Amino acid sequence: KHAFLAQWAQTLDYFQKEAMVEAFYSGDTTEAVRLNILERYRVEYVFWGPAERSIGDFDPTQASFLEPVFTSELVQLFRVQR
C-alpha cells in the first residue's frame, strides 16, 4: 500500500493531489466527487485525524461508502466500500 499524498518531493503530482485532498474533506464537495476521487486513484482507505478535520467539515462517519476499521481518541481509519 502507498499513501495518496505524502511529502511533496516524493509524491507524483503533489499539488494536484493536495487540492483533491482539500476538496475531499470540504463540506461543500458532493458525494459523487468524493467517490470519483476514490475510484480514479483506487484509494482503499481514508484517514481522518486532526489535520483532515481542520480542512473542512466532511464527516466520514456519515458516508455510506466508508466503513470504520480503526478508531482511537485522535484518529479514525475507514475502508472504502466498492
N, C-alpha and C. Protein backbone atom coordinates (compact mmCIF):
# COMPACT_ATOMS: atom_id res chain seq x y z
N LYS A 1 0.84 -1.18 0.00
CA LYS A 1 0.00 0.00 0.00
C LYS A 1 0.88 1.24 0.00
N HIS A 2 0.36 2.31 -0.55
CA HIS A 2 1.10 3.56 -0.53
C HIS A 2 0.15 4.72 -0.26
N ALA A 3 0.71 5.80 0.20
CA ALA A 3 -0.08 6.99 0.53
C ALA A 3 -0.46 7.74 -0.74
N PHE A 4 -1.65 8.27 -0.74
CA PHE A 4 -2.12 9.09 -1.86
C PHE A 4 -1.36 10.42 -1.87
N LEU A 5 -1.19 11.00 -0.68
CA LEU A 5 -0.49 12.29 -0.55
C LEU A 5 0.50 12.17 0.59
N ALA A 6 1.76 12.42 0.29
CA ALA A 6 2.81 12.36 1.31
C ALA A 6 3.71 13.57 1.14
N GLN A 7 4.98 13.41 1.40
CA GLN A 7 5.95 14.50 1.29
C GLN A 7 5.99 15.00 -0.15
N TRP A 8 6.05 16.31 -0.35
CA TRP A 8 5.90 16.90 -1.69
C TRP A 8 6.92 16.39 -2.70
N ALA A 9 8.14 16.15 -2.27
CA ALA A 9 9.17 15.73 -3.22
C ALA A 9 9.05 14.25 -3.60
N GLN A 10 8.24 13.51 -2.86
CA GLN A 10 8.11 12.08 -3.13
C GLN A 10 6.71 11.69 -3.60
N THR A 11 5.88 12.68 -3.91
CA THR A 11 4.52 12.42 -4.37
C THR A 11 4.35 12.95 -5.79
N LEU A 12 4.06 12.05 -6.71
CA LEU A 12 3.81 12.45 -8.08
C LEU A 12 2.57 13.33 -8.13
N ASP A 13 2.63 14.45 -8.84
CA ASP A 13 1.51 15.40 -8.96
C ASP A 13 1.06 15.91 -7.59
N TYR A 14 2.01 16.23 -6.75
CA TYR A 14 1.73 16.62 -5.37
C TYR A 14 0.67 17.71 -5.25
N PHE A 15 0.83 18.81 -5.97
CA PHE A 15 -0.07 19.95 -5.79
C PHE A 15 -1.48 19.64 -6.28
N GLN A 16 -1.59 18.87 -7.33
CA GLN A 16 -2.90 18.43 -7.82
C GLN A 16 -3.57 17.53 -6.78
N LYS A 17 -2.82 16.61 -6.21
CA LYS A 17 -3.36 15.70 -5.20
C LYS A 17 -3.70 16.44 -3.91
N GLU A 18 -2.89 17.43 -3.56
CA GLU A 18 -3.19 18.23 -2.38
C GLU A 18 -4.54 18.93 -2.54
N ALA A 19 -4.80 19.46 -3.72
CA ALA A 19 -6.08 20.11 -3.99
C ALA A 19 -7.24 19.11 -3.92
N MET A 20 -7.01 17.89 -4.39
CA MET A 20 -8.05 16.86 -4.31
C MET A 20 -8.34 16.47 -2.87
N VAL A 21 -7.30 16.38 -2.04
CA VAL A 21 -7.50 16.06 -0.63
C VAL A 21 -8.31 17.17 0.04
N GLU A 22 -7.98 18.40 -0.25
CA GLU A 22 -8.73 19.53 0.32
C GLU A 22 -10.18 19.48 -0.14
N ALA A 23 -10.40 19.17 -1.40
CA ALA A 23 -11.78 19.06 -1.90
C ALA A 23 -12.51 17.89 -1.24
N PHE A 24 -11.82 16.77 -1.08
CA PHE A 24 -12.43 15.57 -0.49
C PHE A 24 -12.98 15.87 0.90
N TYR A 25 -12.21 16.56 1.73
CA TYR A 25 -12.61 16.82 3.11
C TYR A 25 -13.48 18.08 3.27
N SER A 26 -13.68 18.82 2.20
CA SER A 26 -14.53 20.01 2.26
C SER A 26 -16.00 19.61 2.37
N GLY A 27 -16.72 20.32 3.18
CA GLY A 27 -18.15 20.06 3.32
C GLY A 27 -18.95 20.41 2.09
N ASP A 28 -18.38 21.22 1.21
CA ASP A 28 -19.08 21.65 0.00
C ASP A 28 -18.98 20.64 -1.14
N THR A 29 -18.14 19.64 -1.00
CA THR A 29 -17.92 18.66 -2.06
C THR A 29 -19.03 17.62 -2.06
N THR A 30 -19.50 17.25 -3.24
CA THR A 30 -20.56 16.25 -3.34
C THR A 30 -20.00 14.84 -3.15
N GLU A 31 -20.89 13.94 -2.79
CA GLU A 31 -20.51 12.55 -2.63
C GLU A 31 -19.99 11.98 -3.95
N ALA A 32 -20.58 12.40 -5.05
CA ALA A 32 -20.15 11.91 -6.37
C ALA A 32 -18.70 12.29 -6.65
N VAL A 33 -18.30 13.50 -6.29
CA VAL A 33 -16.92 13.93 -6.50
C VAL A 33 -15.98 13.13 -5.60
N ARG A 34 -16.37 12.92 -4.36
CA ARG A 34 -15.54 12.12 -3.46
C ARG A 34 -15.36 10.71 -4.01
N LEU A 35 -16.45 10.09 -4.42
CA LEU A 35 -16.38 8.74 -4.97
C LEU A 35 -15.51 8.69 -6.22
N ASN A 36 -15.59 9.71 -7.04
CA ASN A 36 -14.78 9.78 -8.25
C ASN A 36 -13.30 9.77 -7.91
N ILE A 37 -12.91 10.56 -6.92
CA ILE A 37 -11.50 10.60 -6.50
C ILE A 37 -11.07 9.22 -5.99
N LEU A 38 -11.89 8.62 -5.15
CA LEU A 38 -11.54 7.31 -4.58
C LEU A 38 -11.42 6.25 -5.66
N GLU A 39 -12.33 6.24 -6.60
CA GLU A 39 -12.31 5.24 -7.66
C GLU A 39 -11.18 5.49 -8.66
N ARG A 40 -11.01 6.73 -9.05
CA ARG A 40 -9.99 7.06 -10.05
C ARG A 40 -8.59 6.66 -9.59
N TYR A 41 -8.32 6.85 -8.31
CA TYR A 41 -6.99 6.56 -7.79
C TYR A 41 -6.93 5.26 -6.98
N ARG A 42 -8.01 4.49 -7.04
CA ARG A 42 -8.09 3.18 -6.36
C ARG A 42 -7.72 3.28 -4.88
N VAL A 43 -8.23 4.31 -4.23
CA VAL A 43 -8.00 4.51 -2.80
C VAL A 43 -8.76 3.43 -2.04
N GLU A 44 -8.08 2.76 -1.12
CA GLU A 44 -8.69 1.69 -0.35
C GLU A 44 -9.05 2.12 1.07
N TYR A 45 -8.31 3.09 1.61
CA TYR A 45 -8.54 3.54 2.99
C TYR A 45 -8.52 5.06 3.05
N VAL A 46 -9.32 5.60 3.96
CA VAL A 46 -9.37 7.05 4.20
C VAL A 46 -9.01 7.29 5.65
N PHE A 47 -8.03 8.15 5.87
CA PHE A 47 -7.56 8.51 7.21
C PHE A 47 -8.25 9.80 7.62
N TRP A 48 -8.68 9.87 8.89
CA TRP A 48 -9.35 11.07 9.39
C TRP A 48 -8.79 11.41 10.76
N GLY A 49 -7.94 12.41 10.79
CA GLY A 49 -7.32 12.85 12.03
C GLY A 49 -7.46 14.36 12.17
N PRO A 50 -6.72 14.95 13.09
CA PRO A 50 -6.82 16.39 13.32
C PRO A 50 -6.54 17.24 12.08
N ALA A 51 -5.55 16.87 11.29
CA ALA A 51 -5.23 17.65 10.08
C ALA A 51 -6.37 17.60 9.07
N GLU A 52 -6.98 16.43 8.91
CA GLU A 52 -8.08 16.27 7.96
C GLU A 52 -9.33 17.02 8.46
N ARG A 53 -9.57 16.98 9.75
CA ARG A 53 -10.71 17.70 10.32
C ARG A 53 -10.56 19.21 10.13
N SER A 54 -9.31 19.69 10.15
CA SER A 54 -9.08 21.13 10.00
C SER A 54 -9.32 21.61 8.57
N ILE A 55 -9.36 20.70 7.61
CA ILE A 55 -9.56 21.08 6.22
C ILE A 55 -11.00 21.49 5.96
N GLY A 56 -11.95 20.73 6.50
CA GLY A 56 -13.34 21.03 6.23
C GLY A 56 -14.25 20.25 7.15
N ASP A 57 -15.54 20.38 6.92
CA ASP A 57 -16.48 19.75 7.84
C ASP A 57 -17.10 18.46 7.31
N PHE A 58 -16.44 17.80 6.37
CA PHE A 58 -16.88 16.48 5.93
C PHE A 58 -16.72 15.49 7.08
N ASP A 59 -17.75 14.69 7.32
CA ASP A 59 -17.72 13.70 8.39
C ASP A 59 -17.79 12.31 7.78
N PRO A 60 -16.67 11.60 7.69
CA PRO A 60 -16.67 10.30 7.04
C PRO A 60 -17.51 9.25 7.76
N THR A 61 -17.84 9.49 9.04
CA THR A 61 -18.70 8.53 9.74
C THR A 61 -20.11 8.52 9.15
N GLN A 62 -20.46 9.56 8.41
CA GLN A 62 -21.79 9.66 7.81
C GLN A 62 -21.81 9.21 6.35
N ALA A 63 -20.66 8.85 5.80
CA ALA A 63 -20.56 8.45 4.39
C ALA A 63 -20.96 6.98 4.22
N SER A 64 -21.88 6.72 3.33
CA SER A 64 -22.36 5.35 3.11
C SER A 64 -21.29 4.45 2.49
N PHE A 65 -20.28 5.04 1.87
CA PHE A 65 -19.27 4.28 1.15
C PHE A 65 -18.00 4.05 1.97
N LEU A 66 -18.00 4.45 3.25
CA LEU A 66 -16.84 4.26 4.11
C LEU A 66 -17.23 3.44 5.33
N GLU A 67 -16.39 2.44 5.64
CA GLU A 67 -16.62 1.57 6.79
C GLU A 67 -15.49 1.78 7.79
N PRO A 68 -15.79 2.13 9.05
CA PRO A 68 -14.72 2.31 10.04
C PRO A 68 -14.03 0.98 10.34
N VAL A 69 -12.70 1.01 10.33
CA VAL A 69 -11.93 -0.21 10.63
C VAL A 69 -10.97 0.00 11.80
N PHE A 70 -10.73 1.25 12.18
CA PHE A 70 -9.88 1.55 13.33
C PHE A 70 -10.30 2.89 13.91
N THR A 71 -10.36 2.94 15.24
CA THR A 71 -10.72 4.18 15.92
C THR A 71 -9.85 4.33 17.17
N SER A 72 -9.32 5.53 17.34
CA SER A 72 -8.62 5.87 18.58
C SER A 72 -9.15 7.23 19.04
N GLU A 73 -8.56 7.77 20.08
CA GLU A 73 -9.00 9.08 20.57
C GLU A 73 -8.82 10.18 19.53
N LEU A 74 -7.77 10.08 18.72
CA LEU A 74 -7.44 11.16 17.79
C LEU A 74 -7.77 10.88 16.34
N VAL A 75 -7.74 9.62 15.93
CA VAL A 75 -7.88 9.33 14.51
C VAL A 75 -8.85 8.18 14.25
N GLN A 76 -9.33 8.13 13.02
CA GLN A 76 -10.13 7.01 12.56
C GLN A 76 -9.63 6.62 11.17
N LEU A 77 -9.74 5.34 10.86
CA LEU A 77 -9.39 4.82 9.55
C LEU A 77 -10.62 4.13 8.99
N PHE A 78 -10.91 4.41 7.72
CA PHE A 78 -12.09 3.86 7.06
C PHE A 78 -11.69 3.09 5.83
N ARG A 79 -12.35 1.97 5.59
CA ARG A 79 -12.16 1.20 4.36
C ARG A 79 -13.21 1.68 3.37
N VAL A 80 -12.77 1.88 2.13
CA VAL A 80 -13.68 2.29 1.06
C VAL A 80 -14.48 1.08 0.61
N GLN A 81 -15.80 1.22 0.60
CA GLN A 81 -16.69 0.15 0.15
C GLN A 81 -16.98 0.34 -1.34
N ARG A 82 -16.73 -0.65 -2.09
CA ARG A 82 -16.95 -0.57 -3.54
C ARG A 82 -18.30 -1.12 -3.89
